[in-house]
Amino acid sequence: MKDMIQKDQMYIHWIKDLKSKVRQIQLKAAVTVNTELLRFYWDLGAEIAEKEKATSWGVKFLPQLSKDLRAEFTDMRGFSLSNLKYIKQWYLVYNLSDTISQQLVGQKAVLPFLQIPWGHNIAIISKCNNVDEC
C-alpha cells in the first residue's frame, strides 16, 4: 500500500477546496444553461406570437409545431403543446417594451425573469395576465 498517499491535514483541506470548486462550477453551469434556455424560449415566444399575427396558419399551428419539434429533438424536453403555449404566454406577459427585446438581442441583459427556473416562471405566469399582476 505504498501507492496510497497519507491523508494529512493539507491534503484534506485541499480536497475539500476542490470539492467546493466543483460544486460552484456545477451551479454556475446550471444557471448558464437555464439562462440560455430562457433566452431561447423568449425568442421562440416572440416568433410564435409574430407568426400567429402575420400568417393564416390557424389553430393547428402550435400542435403542428410541437409535433415537428418533438420529432426532430427526441431527447429534448420542452416542446409539448402546453409548454409552447406557456412560452408564448411568458413572452407576452414580460414583453413590456422594446428595451427588453433590445437587451436580449444584445445578450448582455440579466433580466430578473431570466434568472428564475422555467418551472417557477410557469407558476408565476399561470396566475397573472400581465407583468403588473406578477
Foldseek 3Di string as FASTA:
>chain_A
DVPDDDCDPVNVVVVVVVVVVVVVVVVVVVQVVLLVVLLVLLVLLVVVVVCVVPDVPPPCVLVVQLVVVCVVCVPDDQSHSVSNVLSNQLNVQPCPDVVVVVCSVVVNDDDPVSRDGPVVSSVVSVQDRHPVSD
